[in-house]
Amino acid sequence: MISIASIKKCLVQYINSEAPQGRLLVVYVFGSFARNQERVKSDIDLAFLVDQASYRTDPFEATVPVHMIAGKMGMQLDRVVDVTILNSASLEMAYEIITTGRLLFESDVELRLQYEIKIKGMYFDFQPFLSELRVRKMAKLGPMMV
């Protein structure tokens, strides 16, 4: 089995060779590996936060290094590595990742904390609205689910 430590070691190796300095801010592992429920062929779910200025200018160019890192990690670890870009993730997805995922890399502690505080604040502000939408949707689907 692959450990979180080996994922982190591999990640840092490729960050150092592939990511331009200061462009990659934070990386989390989430999903089955973060929950210690991985199976023999489980994929590795990684969430990347890239520099917002670079991402706004050209999202494709800003995320090319992320996909290169994921591809190389996948080859080295013999696993599929799924990429989530936190800059464009839904609020619910970002909240889930920062609260249940495990931090693998941060270039700046303060930037990571600011991001996490922002996401948690927005999530708690929108939670009543999201819950109401979910209740309404389930009520509409209820008869169809039987």
C-alpha atoms as a PDB file:
ATOM      1  CA  MET A   1       0.000   0.000   0.000  1.00  0.00           C
ATOM      2  CA  ILE A   2       1.039   3.581  -0.595  1.00  0.00           C
ATOM      3  CA  SER A   3       1.425   5.779   2.470  1.00  0.00           C
ATOM      4  CA  ILE A   4       0.615   9.469   2.841  1.00  0.00           C
ATOM      5  CA  ALA A   5       4.327   9.983   3.544  1.00  0.00           C
ATOM      6  CA  SER A   6       5.296   8.438   0.196  1.00  0.00           C
ATOM      7  CA  ILE A   7       2.673  10.543  -1.623  1.00  0.00           C
ATOM      8  CA  LYS A   8       4.043  13.663   0.066  1.00  0.00           C
ATOM      9  CA  LYS A   9       7.652  12.774  -0.763  1.00  0.00           C
ATOM     10  CA  CYS A  10       6.773  12.192  -4.409  1.00  0.00           C
ATOM     11  CA  LEU A  11       4.722  15.398  -4.552  1.00  0.00           C
ATOM     12  CA  VAL A  12       7.495  17.565  -3.111  1.00  0.00           C
ATOM     13  CA  GLN A  13      10.016  16.034  -5.520  1.00  0.00           C
ATOM     14  CA  TYR A  14       7.897  17.062  -8.506  1.00  0.00           C
ATOM     15  CA  ILE A  15       6.905  20.447  -7.083  1.00  0.00           C
ATOM     16  CA  ASN A  16      10.596  21.272  -6.873  1.00  0.00           C
ATOM     17  CA  SER A  17      11.190  20.281 -10.496  1.00  0.00           C
ATOM     18  CA  GLU A  18       7.921  21.294 -12.204  1.00  0.00           C
ATOM     19  CA  ALA A  19       6.246  24.206 -10.400  1.00  0.00           C
ATOM     20  CA  PRO A  20       7.438  27.780 -10.905  1.00  0.00           C
ATOM     21  CA  GLN A  21       8.449  29.360  -7.605  1.00  0.00           C
ATOM     22  CA  GLY A  22       5.493  30.876  -5.760  1.00  0.00           C
ATOM     23  CA  ARG A  23       2.803  29.636  -8.157  1.00  0.00           C
ATOM     24  CA  LEU A  24       1.729  26.557  -6.200  1.00  0.00           C
ATOM     25  CA  LEU A  25       0.402  27.546  -2.779  1.00  0.00           C
ATOM     26  CA  VAL A  26      -1.269  24.533  -1.160  1.00  0.00           C
ATOM     27  CA  VAL A  27      -1.854  20.831  -1.859  1.00  0.00           C
ATOM     28  CA  TYR A  28      -4.218  18.500   0.019  1.00  0.00           C
ATOM     29  CA  VAL A  29      -4.864  14.805  -0.393  1.00  0.00           C
ATOM     30  CA  PHE A  30      -8.529  13.933   0.099  1.00  0.00           C
ATOM     31  CA  GLY A  31     -10.871  11.030  -0.447  1.00  0.00           C
ATOM     32  CA  SER A  32      -9.990   7.462   0.455  1.00  0.00           C
ATOM     33  CA  PHE A  33      -6.312   8.159   1.165  1.00  0.00           C
ATOM     34  CA  ALA A  34      -7.138  10.990   3.571  1.00  0.00           C
ATOM     35  CA  ARG A  35      -9.616   8.699   5.364  1.00  0.00           C
ATOM     36  CA  ASN A  36      -7.155   5.771   5.437  1.00  0.00           C
ATOM     37  CA  GLN A  37      -9.679   3.709   3.455  1.00  0.00           C
ATOM     38  CA  GLU A  38      -7.714   3.257   0.249  1.00  0.00           C
ATOM     39  CA  ARG A  39      -7.813  -0.023  -1.620  1.00  0.00           C
ATOM     40  CA  VAL A  40      -5.206  -1.682  -3.793  1.00  0.00           C
ATOM     41  CA  LYS A  41      -6.105   0.343  -6.892  1.00  0.00           C
ATOM     42  CA  SER A  42      -7.658   3.452  -5.304  1.00  0.00           C
ATOM     43  CA  ASP A  43      -6.910   6.653  -7.136  1.00  0.00           C
ATOM     44  CA  ILE A  44      -5.120   9.477  -5.364  1.00  0.00           C
ATOM     45  CA  ASP A  45      -7.230  12.630  -5.076  1.00  0.00           C
ATOM     46  CA  LEU A  46      -5.159  15.804  -4.855  1.00  0.00           C
ATOM     47  CA  ALA A  47      -6.446  19.362  -4.518  1.00  0.00           C
ATOM     48  CA  PHE A  48      -4.187  22.233  -5.582  1.00  0.00           C
ATOM     49  CA  LEU A  49      -4.469  25.926  -4.802  1.00  0.00           C
ATOM     50  CA  VAL A  50      -2.464  27.996  -7.274  1.00  0.00           C
ATOM     51  CA  ASP A  51      -1.525  31.658  -7.148  1.00  0.00           C
ATOM     52  CA  GLN A  52      -4.729  33.621  -7.763  1.00  0.00           C
ATOM     53  CA  ALA A  53      -3.104  36.332  -9.911  1.00  0.00           C
ATOM     54  CA  SER A  54      -1.630  33.729 -12.272  1.00  0.00           C
ATOM     55  CA  TYR A  55      -4.893  31.803 -12.319  1.00  0.00           C
ATOM     56  CA  ARG A  56      -6.919  34.917 -13.201  1.00  0.00           C
ATOM     57  CA  THR A  57      -4.517  35.827 -16.007  1.00  0.00           C
ATOM     58  CA  ASP A  58      -4.495  32.386 -17.647  1.00  0.00           C
ATOM     59  CA  PRO A  59      -6.077  29.433 -15.815  1.00  0.00           C
ATOM     60  CA  PHE A  60      -4.722  26.936 -18.328  1.00  0.00           C
ATOM     61  CA  GLU A  61      -1.132  28.139 -18.072  1.00  0.00           C
ATOM     62  CA  ALA A  62      -1.379  28.407 -14.280  1.00  0.00           C
ATOM     63  CA  THR A  63      -2.466  24.774 -13.953  1.00  0.00           C
ATOM     64  CA  VAL A  64      -0.171  23.113 -16.512  1.00  0.00           C
ATOM     65  CA  PRO A  65       2.489  22.414 -13.834  1.00  0.00           C
ATOM     66  CA  VAL A  66      -0.183  20.864 -11.598  1.00  0.00           C
ATOM     67  CA  HIS A  67      -1.165  18.384 -14.298  1.00  0.00           C
ATOM     68  CA  MET A  68       2.481  17.618 -15.055  1.00  0.00           C
ATOM     69  CA  ILE A  69       3.077  16.911 -11.369  1.00  0.00           C
ATOM     70  CA  ALA A  70      -0.004  14.677 -11.179  1.00  0.00           C
ATOM     71  CA  GLY A  71       0.978  12.772 -14.317  1.00  0.00           C
ATOM     72  CA  LYS A  72       4.508  12.121 -13.100  1.00  0.00           C
ATOM     73  CA  MET A  73       3.259  11.120  -9.653  1.00  0.00           C
ATOM     74  CA  GLY A  74       0.806   8.707 -11.241  1.00  0.00           C
ATOM     75  CA  MET A  75       3.577   7.035 -13.223  1.00  0.00           C
ATOM     76  CA  GLN A  76       5.904   6.803 -10.233  1.00  0.00           C
ATOM     77  CA  LEU A  77       3.251   5.546  -7.798  1.00  0.00           C
ATOM     78  CA  ASP A  78       1.413   3.412 -10.387  1.00  0.00           C
ATOM     79  CA  ARG A  79      -1.920   5.038  -9.538  1.00  0.00           C
ATOM     80  CA  VAL A  80      -4.352   7.366 -11.216  1.00  0.00           C
ATOM     81  CA  VAL A  81      -3.963  10.836  -9.701  1.00  0.00           C
ATOM     82  CA  ASP A  82      -7.115  12.943  -9.900  1.00  0.00           C
ATOM     83  CA  VAL A  83      -6.668  16.711  -9.778  1.00  0.00           C
ATOM     84  CA  THR A  84      -9.011  19.287  -8.275  1.00  0.00           C
ATOM     85  CA  ILE A  85      -8.134  22.954  -8.689  1.00  0.00           C
ATOM     86  CA  LEU A  86      -9.338  24.720  -5.555  1.00  0.00           C
ATOM     87  CA  ASN A  87      -9.374  28.095  -7.317  1.00  0.00           C
ATOM     88  CA  SER A  88     -12.391  26.918  -9.324  1.00  0.00           C
ATOM     89  CA  ALA A  89     -13.879  24.244  -7.054  1.00  0.00           C
ATOM     90  CA  SER A  90     -17.406  24.604  -5.735  1.00  0.00           C
ATOM     91  CA  LEU A  91     -17.775  25.991  -2.237  1.00  0.00           C
ATOM     92  CA  GLU A  92     -18.991  22.640  -0.898  1.00  0.00           C
ATOM     93  CA  MET A  93     -16.108  20.775  -2.514  1.00  0.00           C
ATOM     94  CA  ALA A  94     -13.496  23.241  -1.238  1.00  0.00           C
ATOM     95  CA  TYR A  95     -14.962  23.064   2.277  1.00  0.00           C
ATOM     96  CA  GLU A  96     -14.957  19.258   2.221  1.00  0.00           C
ATOM     97  CA  ILE A  97     -11.333  19.185   1.085  1.00  0.00           C
ATOM     98  CA  ILE A  98      -9.995  21.635   3.674  1.00  0.00           C
ATOM     99  CA  THR A  99     -11.919  20.019   6.533  1.00  0.00           C
ATOM    100  CA  THR A 100     -11.465  16.319   5.754  1.00  0.00           C
ATOM    101  CA  GLY A 101      -8.382  16.323   3.547  1.00  0.00           C
ATOM    102  CA  ARG A 102      -4.806  16.183   4.741  1.00  0.00           C
ATOM    103  CA  LEU A 103      -2.341  18.942   4.026  1.00  0.00           C
ATOM    104  CA  LEU A 104       0.645  17.750   1.999  1.00  0.00           C
ATOM    105  CA  PHE A 105       2.272  21.022   0.989  1.00  0.00           C
ATOM    106  CA  GLU A 106       2.068  24.738   1.685  1.00  0.00           C
ATOM    107  CA  SER A 107       4.365  27.433   0.380  1.00  0.00           C
ATOM    108  CA  ASP A 108       3.059  29.990   2.892  1.00  0.00           C
ATOM    109  CA  VAL A 109       1.255  29.163   6.140  1.00  0.00           C
ATOM    110  CA  GLU A 110      -0.454  32.550   6.294  1.00  0.00           C
ATOM    111  CA  LEU A 111      -1.860  32.264   2.757  1.00  0.00           C
ATOM    112  CA  ARG A 112      -3.182  28.780   3.519  1.00  0.00           C
ATOM    113  CA  LEU A 113      -4.848  29.948   6.723  1.00  0.00           C
ATOM    114  CA  GLN A 114      -6.395  32.945   4.950  1.00  0.00           C
ATOM    115  CA  TYR A 115      -7.795  30.644   2.269  1.00  0.00           C
ATOM    116  CA  GLU A 116      -9.200  28.175   4.816  1.00  0.00           C
ATOM    117  CA  ILE A 117     -10.791  30.960   6.885  1.00  0.00           C
ATOM    118  CA  LYS A 118     -12.346  32.474   3.749  1.00  0.00           C
ATOM    119  CA  ILE A 119     -13.799  29.136   2.606  1.00  0.00           C
ATOM    120  CA  LYS A 120     -15.125  28.246   6.064  1.00  0.00           C
ATOM    121  CA  GLY A 121     -16.715  31.681   6.462  1.00  0.00           C
ATOM    122  CA  MET A 122     -18.398  31.514   3.064  1.00  0.00           C
ATOM    123  CA  TYR A 123     -19.546  27.950   3.700  1.00  0.00           C
ATOM    124  CA  PHE A 124     -21.125  28.800   7.054  1.00  0.00           C
ATOM    125  CA  ASP A 125     -22.779  31.880   5.510  1.00  0.00           C
ATOM    126  CA  PHE A 126     -24.288  29.803   2.692  1.00  0.00           C
ATOM    127  CA  GLN A 127     -25.001  26.615   4.656  1.00  0.00           C
ATOM    128  CA  PRO A 128     -28.654  27.463   5.501  1.00  0.00           C
ATOM    129  CA  PHE A 129     -29.330  28.271   1.841  1.00  0.00           C
ATOM    130  CA  LEU A 130     -27.587  25.107   0.635  1.00  0.00           C
ATOM    131  CA  SER A 131     -29.500  22.980   3.139  1.00  0.00           C
ATOM    132  CA  GLU A 132     -32.814  24.456   2.019  1.00  0.00           C
ATOM    133  CA  LEU A 133     -31.987  23.784  -1.628  1.00  0.00           C
ATOM    134  CA  ARG A 134     -31.078  20.201  -0.799  1.00  0.00           C
ATOM    135  CA  VAL A 135     -34.336  19.680   1.132  1.00  0.00           C
ATOM    136  CA  ARG A 136     -36.372  21.051  -1.777  1.00  0.00           C
ATOM    137  CA  LYS A 137     -34.522  18.916  -4.301  1.00  0.00           C
ATOM    138  CA  MET A 138     -34.973  15.769  -2.202  1.00  0.00           C
ATOM    139  CA  ALA A 139     -38.675  16.538  -1.808  1.00  0.00           C
ATOM    140  CA  LYS A 140     -39.022  16.694  -5.595  1.00  0.00           C
ATOM    141  CA  LEU A 141     -37.049  13.484  -6.066  1.00  0.00           C
ATOM    142  CA  GLY A 142     -38.735  11.662  -3.178  1.00  0.00           C
ATOM    143  CA  PRO A 143     -41.546  10.003  -5.141  1.00  0.00           C
ATOM    144  CA  MET A 144     -39.109   9.063  -7.904  1.00  0.00           C
ATOM    145  CA  MET A 145     -36.742   7.404  -5.439  1.00  0.00           C
ATOM    146  CA  VAL A 146     -39.325   4.804  -4.366  1.00  0.00           C
END
